[in-house]
Amino acid sequence: MMLDEVLKANEEFVKDFEPKKMSHMPQKKLAIVTCMDTRLTGFLEPAIGIERGDAKVIKNAGNAAVDRDVIRSVAAAIHALGVEEVMVIGHYDCGMANVDPEKLEANMKARGMDEKVLSEVNLKDWIGAIDGEEENVMVVVEKIKESPFIPEDVPIHGLIIDLYDGKLKVLVEG
């Protein structure tokens, strides 16, 4: 069971860990909206030069769901936690660009999902499927900028990273 592995790893981790009092304020005054893709874990932070305590990182599938929670998190980071810049960072080869709504629906039904619930949503929209990675980053930047909760003087940048060579490309300079 994965829980057992996690607890064992944590046991080993705390043996050598040196506790350090840190602020909840992001030291680089940065918030990042990015994808939950597992390939970004332990990769994105060193690729952009941030470490523990440097930035607020908000993740979701495809970094596409600019919903109440994403806006709330970005706004809280700005208004309550001192963030002065926001970066939307997408990546190439995103799983949300290849979502098959029919397959998704079949998988959900196979796991006992209520068909009535499924019939009431557009699964492609609900899951956060995107049409293209670069286009998605630019759309997310605009949605964040358009929110009345985000001050106009806060730069919202849009970038995309290549998961294979680690290279960043600026799509929107806020």
Protein backbone atom coordinates (compact mmCIF):
# COMPACT_ATOMS: atom_id res chain seq x y z
CA MET A 1 0.00 0.00 0.00
CA MET A 2 1.29 3.45 -0.92
CA LEU A 3 0.43 4.87 2.51
CA ASP A 4 2.93 2.47 4.10
CA GLU A 5 5.64 3.59 1.66
CA VAL A 6 4.90 7.26 2.38
CA LEU A 7 5.04 6.76 6.14
CA LYS A 8 8.31 4.82 5.88
CA ALA A 9 9.82 7.52 3.66
CA ASN A 10 8.71 10.18 6.14
CA GLU A 11 10.31 8.26 8.99
CA GLU A 12 13.63 8.33 7.10
CA PHE A 13 13.19 11.96 6.11
CA VAL A 14 12.70 13.28 9.65
CA LYS A 15 15.84 11.47 10.90
CA ASP A 16 18.08 13.86 8.94
CA PHE A 17 15.75 16.83 8.69
CA GLU A 18 16.83 19.98 10.48
CA PRO A 19 13.75 21.94 11.54
CA LYS A 20 13.81 25.55 10.46
CA LYS A 21 11.28 28.23 11.30
CA MET A 22 10.09 29.75 8.04
CA SER A 23 7.62 32.44 7.12
CA HIS A 24 4.44 31.59 5.23
CA MET A 25 5.15 34.67 3.11
CA PRO A 26 6.73 33.82 -0.27
CA GLN A 27 10.29 35.13 -0.12
CA LYS A 28 10.43 35.91 -3.85
CA LYS A 29 6.96 37.51 -3.74
CA LEU A 30 5.87 35.14 -6.49
CA ALA A 31 2.79 33.02 -7.14
CA ILE A 32 2.83 30.28 -9.76
CA VAL A 33 -0.22 28.69 -11.39
CA THR A 34 0.82 25.42 -12.97
CA CYS A 35 -0.23 21.91 -13.87
CA MET A 36 -0.43 18.95 -11.51
CA ASP A 37 1.57 16.77 -13.95
CA THR A 38 3.84 14.41 -12.02
CA ARG A 39 6.74 15.22 -14.33
CA LEU A 40 6.85 18.75 -12.91
CA THR A 41 7.46 17.51 -9.35
CA GLY A 42 11.07 18.16 -8.37
CA PHE A 43 11.65 19.57 -11.87
CA LEU A 44 9.88 22.91 -12.17
CA GLU A 45 11.29 24.51 -9.04
CA PRO A 46 14.99 24.02 -9.87
CA ALA A 47 14.27 24.83 -13.54
CA ILE A 48 13.07 28.29 -12.51
CA GLY A 49 15.36 28.84 -9.53
CA ILE A 50 12.92 28.63 -6.66
CA GLU A 51 13.30 26.74 -3.41
CA ARG A 52 11.19 25.95 -0.38
CA GLY A 53 9.63 29.15 0.92
CA ASP A 54 10.18 31.19 -2.25
CA ALA A 55 6.77 31.04 -3.97
CA LYS A 56 3.12 30.09 -3.64
CA VAL A 57 2.44 27.25 -6.09
CA ILE A 58 -1.14 26.58 -7.20
CA LYS A 59 -1.66 23.38 -9.19
CA ASN A 60 -4.54 21.84 -11.07
CA ALA A 61 -5.09 19.62 -14.08
CA GLY A 62 -3.64 21.39 -17.10
CA ASN A 63 -3.47 24.65 -15.10
CA ALA A 64 -6.66 25.27 -17.04
CA ALA A 65 -9.35 25.57 -14.41
CA VAL A 66 -9.31 29.27 -13.68
CA ASP A 67 -12.22 28.92 -11.35
CA ARG A 68 -13.14 30.45 -8.03
CA ASP A 69 -10.42 28.49 -6.20
CA VAL A 70 -7.57 29.53 -8.49
CA ILE A 71 -8.61 33.20 -8.44
CA ARG A 72 -9.15 33.02 -4.66
CA SER A 73 -5.69 31.52 -4.17
CA VAL A 74 -3.96 34.07 -6.43
CA ALA A 75 -5.88 36.94 -4.81
CA ALA A 76 -5.00 35.68 -1.30
CA ALA A 77 -1.36 35.40 -2.34
CA ILE A 78 -1.41 39.01 -3.54
CA HIS A 79 -3.56 40.71 -0.91
CA ALA A 80 -2.64 38.71 2.20
CA LEU A 81 0.77 37.20 1.50
CA GLY A 82 2.75 39.88 -0.32
CA VAL A 83 2.91 38.40 -3.82
CA GLU A 84 3.93 40.99 -6.41
CA GLU A 85 4.14 38.84 -9.56
CA VAL A 86 2.23 35.86 -10.93
CA MET A 87 3.47 33.30 -13.42
CA VAL A 88 1.23 30.88 -15.29
CA ILE A 89 3.52 28.04 -16.30
CA GLY A 90 2.23 25.39 -18.66
CA HIS A 91 4.15 22.56 -20.27
CA TYR A 92 4.29 20.75 -23.56
CA ASP A 93 2.91 17.20 -23.81
CA CYS A 94 0.15 17.96 -21.31
CA GLY A 95 -2.29 15.15 -20.61
CA MET A 96 -5.18 17.61 -20.59
CA ALA A 97 -4.50 18.32 -24.28
CA ASN A 98 -5.22 14.69 -25.08
CA VAL A 99 -8.37 14.02 -23.06
CA ASP A 100 -10.84 11.71 -24.76
CA PRO A 101 -14.25 12.63 -23.28
CA GLU A 102 -15.83 9.34 -24.39
CA LYS A 103 -13.09 7.26 -22.76
CA LEU A 104 -13.30 9.42 -19.64
CA GLU A 105 -17.05 8.88 -19.44
CA ALA A 106 -16.65 5.12 -19.94
CA ASN A 107 -14.05 4.99 -17.15
CA MET A 108 -16.30 6.95 -14.82
CA LYS A 109 -19.28 4.72 -15.53
CA ALA A 110 -17.15 1.61 -15.01
CA ARG A 111 -16.28 2.92 -11.54
CA GLY A 112 -19.94 3.41 -10.67
CA MET A 113 -20.37 7.10 -11.44
CA ASP A 114 -24.03 8.12 -11.54
CA GLU A 115 -25.09 8.48 -15.20
CA LYS A 116 -27.50 11.28 -14.30
CA VAL A 117 -24.60 13.32 -12.90
CA LEU A 118 -22.55 12.63 -16.03
CA SER A 119 -25.39 13.70 -18.30
CA GLU A 120 -25.55 17.10 -16.58
CA VAL A 121 -21.98 18.20 -17.39
CA ASN A 122 -19.81 18.73 -20.42
CA LEU A 123 -16.99 16.36 -19.40
CA LYS A 124 -14.40 18.03 -21.64
CA ASP A 125 -15.00 21.37 -19.91
CA TRP A 126 -15.44 19.83 -16.47
CA ILE A 127 -12.15 17.91 -16.54
CA GLY A 128 -10.29 20.98 -17.84
CA ALA A 129 -9.34 19.59 -21.24
CA ILE A 130 -7.37 22.05 -23.34
CA ASP A 131 -6.99 22.44 -27.08
CA GLY A 132 -3.33 23.46 -27.05
CA GLU A 133 -0.70 24.04 -24.38
CA GLU A 134 0.53 27.48 -25.50
CA GLU A 135 -2.98 28.75 -26.20
CA ASN A 136 -4.09 27.53 -22.77
CA VAL A 137 -1.37 29.50 -20.99
CA MET A 138 -2.41 32.69 -22.79
CA VAL A 139 -6.10 32.10 -22.00
CA VAL A 140 -5.34 31.49 -18.31
CA VAL A 141 -3.25 34.67 -18.11
CA GLU A 142 -6.17 36.66 -19.55
CA LYS A 143 -8.72 35.08 -17.20
CA ILE A 144 -6.59 35.92 -14.17
CA LYS A 145 -6.03 39.50 -15.42
CA GLU A 146 -9.78 39.94 -16.01
CA SER A 147 -10.72 39.07 -12.43
CA PRO A 148 -11.83 42.06 -10.38
CA PHE A 149 -9.88 40.56 -7.44
CA ILE A 150 -6.52 40.88 -9.20
CA PRO A 151 -4.94 44.37 -9.15
CA GLU A 152 -3.95 45.79 -12.53
CA ASP A 153 -0.43 46.63 -11.29
CA VAL A 154 0.45 42.97 -10.65
CA PRO A 155 2.24 41.48 -13.66
CA ILE A 156 0.74 38.18 -14.85
CA HIS A 157 3.31 36.34 -16.98
CA GLY A 158 2.67 33.31 -19.18
CA LEU A 159 5.39 30.73 -19.75
CA ILE A 160 5.68 27.20 -21.04
CA ILE A 161 8.35 24.65 -20.18
CA ASP A 162 9.64 21.74 -22.17
CA LEU A 163 9.62 18.66 -19.93
CA TYR A 164 12.50 17.07 -21.81
CA ASP A 165 15.11 19.80 -22.01
CA GLY A 166 13.84 22.10 -19.25
CA LYS A 167 13.80 25.17 -21.49
CA LEU A 168 11.31 27.93 -20.72
CA LYS A 169 9.58 30.01 -23.34
CA VAL A 170 7.88 33.31 -22.48
CA LEU A 171 4.45 33.56 -24.11
CA VAL A 172 3.11 36.60 -22.25
CA GLU A 173 5.29 39.15 -20.50
CA GLY A 174 3.04 40.76 -17.93
